[in-house]
Amino acid sequence: SNNETKTTSKISSGPEHLPQKDEKKGTNDIKTEKDGVGTDGDSSSITKGQADSAIQSGTEKPLSKNQLKKRRRYEKAMEVKKRRKEQEKEAKRAKAIADGRDLDEERRLQAEREKSGEGHKRREELWLKRMKTADTSFKIC
């Protein structure tokens, strides 16, 4: 009975006496990149989230000449695009005024209709009419 108590005490003593997985290889010490630590155990490798936070804090590397050129070219293209859109808007406005339309009055009427909800009500009625016919058409016999 002494031998039985010894074996049961070893079993009940818990997992601390059991060998750990890959204990001989030492892979339990290795952290993954999502933990923020590289596979060699030090924190020299940086994850994407850490790089993003470094950029926001202003500790990022300076941009290369090529990256600066690309950024300037992109910003210039965006300025041209913005200018062109503005010119198109002005041309539409000038055409509307030339046609004799009162744009301020149109805007006021549009806001008034939006407040009253008549357009929404009309669209809702059309939708319900459509759904009524769809209910009878697509039911299972």
Protein backbone atom coordinates (compact mmCIF):
# COMPACT_ATOMS: atom_id res chain seq x y z
CA SER A 1 0.00 0.00 0.00
CA ASN A 2 3.00 2.30 0.47
CA ASN A 3 3.87 1.99 -3.22
CA GLU A 4 0.31 2.86 -4.17
CA THR A 5 0.32 6.07 -2.14
CA LYS A 6 3.60 7.14 -3.68
CA THR A 7 2.32 6.68 -7.21
CA THR A 8 -0.93 8.46 -6.46
CA SER A 9 0.92 11.35 -4.88
CA LYS A 10 3.02 11.73 -8.01
CA ILE A 11 -0.07 11.74 -10.20
CA SER A 12 -1.99 14.14 -8.00
CA SER A 13 0.96 16.48 -7.61
CA GLY A 14 0.01 18.15 -10.88
CA PRO A 15 1.71 19.09 -14.12
CA GLU A 16 4.88 20.53 -12.56
CA HIS A 17 6.50 17.06 -12.59
CA LEU A 18 5.49 16.35 -16.16
CA PRO A 19 7.99 17.25 -18.88
CA GLN A 20 7.08 20.41 -20.77
CA LYS A 21 6.44 20.30 -24.51
CA ASP A 22 9.68 20.77 -26.46
CA GLU A 23 11.60 21.22 -23.20
CA LYS A 24 14.80 19.83 -24.70
CA LYS A 25 14.64 22.06 -27.77
CA GLY A 26 14.04 25.24 -25.76
CA THR A 27 11.26 26.47 -28.04
CA ASN A 28 9.03 27.51 -25.14
CA ASP A 29 11.22 30.57 -24.64
CA ILE A 30 10.61 31.81 -28.17
CA LYS A 31 7.91 34.47 -28.50
CA THR A 32 5.89 35.08 -31.62
CA GLU A 33 5.85 38.30 -33.61
CA LYS A 34 2.35 39.12 -32.48
CA ASP A 35 3.73 39.34 -28.92
CA GLY A 36 6.07 42.06 -30.15
CA VAL A 37 9.19 39.99 -29.70
CA GLY A 38 11.14 38.37 -32.49
CA THR A 39 11.80 34.67 -32.89
CA ASP A 40 15.30 35.00 -31.47
CA GLY A 41 13.95 36.14 -28.10
CA ASP A 42 14.97 39.80 -28.28
CA SER A 43 12.74 42.72 -29.16
CA SER A 44 14.68 43.85 -32.25
CA SER A 45 12.00 42.85 -34.75
CA ILE A 46 9.06 45.24 -35.02
CA THR A 47 5.52 44.23 -35.85
CA LYS A 48 3.21 46.22 -38.12
CA GLY A 49 1.29 47.69 -35.18
CA GLN A 50 4.51 48.83 -33.54
CA ALA A 51 5.69 50.38 -36.80
CA ASP A 52 2.40 52.27 -37.11
CA SER A 53 2.72 53.60 -33.58
CA ALA A 54 6.33 54.60 -34.27
CA ILE A 55 5.21 56.56 -37.33
CA GLN A 56 2.53 58.33 -35.32
CA SER A 57 4.97 59.22 -32.56
CA GLY A 58 7.43 60.70 -35.07
CA THR A 59 10.24 58.18 -34.62
CA GLU A 60 10.06 56.73 -38.13
CA LYS A 61 12.97 56.63 -40.54
CA PRO A 62 13.35 59.58 -42.92
CA LEU A 63 11.87 59.02 -46.37
CA SER A 64 14.14 58.11 -49.23
CA LYS A 65 14.56 60.41 -52.23
CA ASN A 66 12.39 58.13 -54.33
CA GLN A 67 9.63 58.10 -51.71
CA LEU A 68 9.77 61.89 -51.44
CA LYS A 69 9.48 62.22 -55.22
CA LYS A 70 6.49 59.86 -55.27
CA ARG A 71 4.81 61.75 -52.43
CA ARG A 72 5.32 65.13 -54.15
CA ARG A 73 3.99 63.73 -57.42
CA TYR A 74 0.92 62.35 -55.62
CA GLU A 75 0.27 65.64 -53.81
CA LYS A 76 0.63 67.57 -57.07
CA ALA A 77 -1.84 65.21 -58.79
CA MET A 78 -4.32 65.69 -55.92
CA GLU A 79 -4.02 69.48 -56.21
CA VAL A 80 -4.68 69.30 -59.96
CA LYS A 81 -7.68 67.02 -59.35
CA LYS A 82 -9.07 69.38 -56.69
CA ARG A 83 -8.60 72.41 -58.95
CA ARG A 84 -10.30 70.65 -61.87
CA LYS A 85 -13.29 69.65 -59.71
CA GLU A 86 -13.61 73.22 -58.46
CA GLN A 87 -13.53 74.54 -62.04
CA GLU A 88 -16.23 72.07 -63.08
CA LYS A 89 -18.42 73.19 -60.17
CA GLU A 90 -17.96 76.83 -61.11
CA ALA A 91 -18.79 76.07 -64.76
CA LYS A 92 -22.05 74.33 -63.73
CA ARG A 93 -22.93 77.24 -61.47
CA ALA A 94 -22.22 79.78 -64.23
CA LYS A 95 -24.33 77.78 -66.71
CA ALA A 96 -27.25 77.61 -64.24
CA ILE A 97 -27.10 81.36 -63.67
CA ALA A 98 -26.88 81.96 -67.44
CA ASP A 99 -30.04 79.85 -67.86
CA GLY A 100 -31.77 82.22 -65.47
CA ARG A 101 -32.10 79.81 -62.53
CA ASP A 102 -32.20 81.13 -58.97
CA LEU A 103 -29.85 78.75 -57.16
CA ASP A 104 -30.56 80.14 -53.69
CA GLU A 105 -34.30 79.65 -54.21
CA GLU A 106 -33.69 76.09 -55.48
CA ARG A 107 -31.64 75.29 -52.38
CA ARG A 108 -34.33 76.74 -50.12
CA LEU A 109 -37.06 74.66 -51.84
CA GLN A 110 -34.91 71.54 -51.61
CA ALA A 111 -34.39 72.04 -47.86
CA GLU A 112 -38.12 72.70 -47.41
CA ARG A 113 -39.06 69.48 -49.23
CA GLU A 114 -36.54 67.55 -47.21
CA LYS A 115 -38.05 68.87 -43.98
CA SER A 116 -41.62 68.08 -45.04
CA GLY A 117 -40.61 64.55 -46.06
CA GLU A 118 -42.87 64.48 -49.13
CA GLY A 119 -40.19 62.89 -51.35
CA HIS A 120 -39.48 60.17 -48.82
CA LYS A 121 -43.19 59.52 -48.41
CA ARG A 122 -43.67 59.22 -52.18
CA ARG A 123 -40.70 56.84 -52.55
CA GLU A 124 -41.95 54.74 -49.64
CA GLU A 125 -45.39 54.42 -51.28
CA LEU A 126 -43.80 53.30 -54.56
CA TRP A 127 -41.68 50.75 -52.68
CA LEU A 128 -44.68 49.35 -50.80
CA LYS A 129 -46.61 49.08 -54.09
CA ARG A 130 -43.73 47.12 -55.60
CA MET A 131 -43.48 44.83 -52.58
CA LYS A 132 -47.23 44.16 -52.66
CA THR A 133 -46.99 42.77 -56.19
CA ALA A 134 -43.81 40.87 -55.33
CA ASP A 135 -45.52 39.18 -52.39
CA THR A 136 -48.18 37.67 -54.63
CA SER A 137 -45.76 36.77 -57.43
CA PHE A 138 -43.03 34.95 -55.52
CA LYS A 139 -44.89 32.98 -52.86
CA ILE A 140 -44.54 29.21 -52.74
CA CYS A 141 -47.73 27.40 -53.75
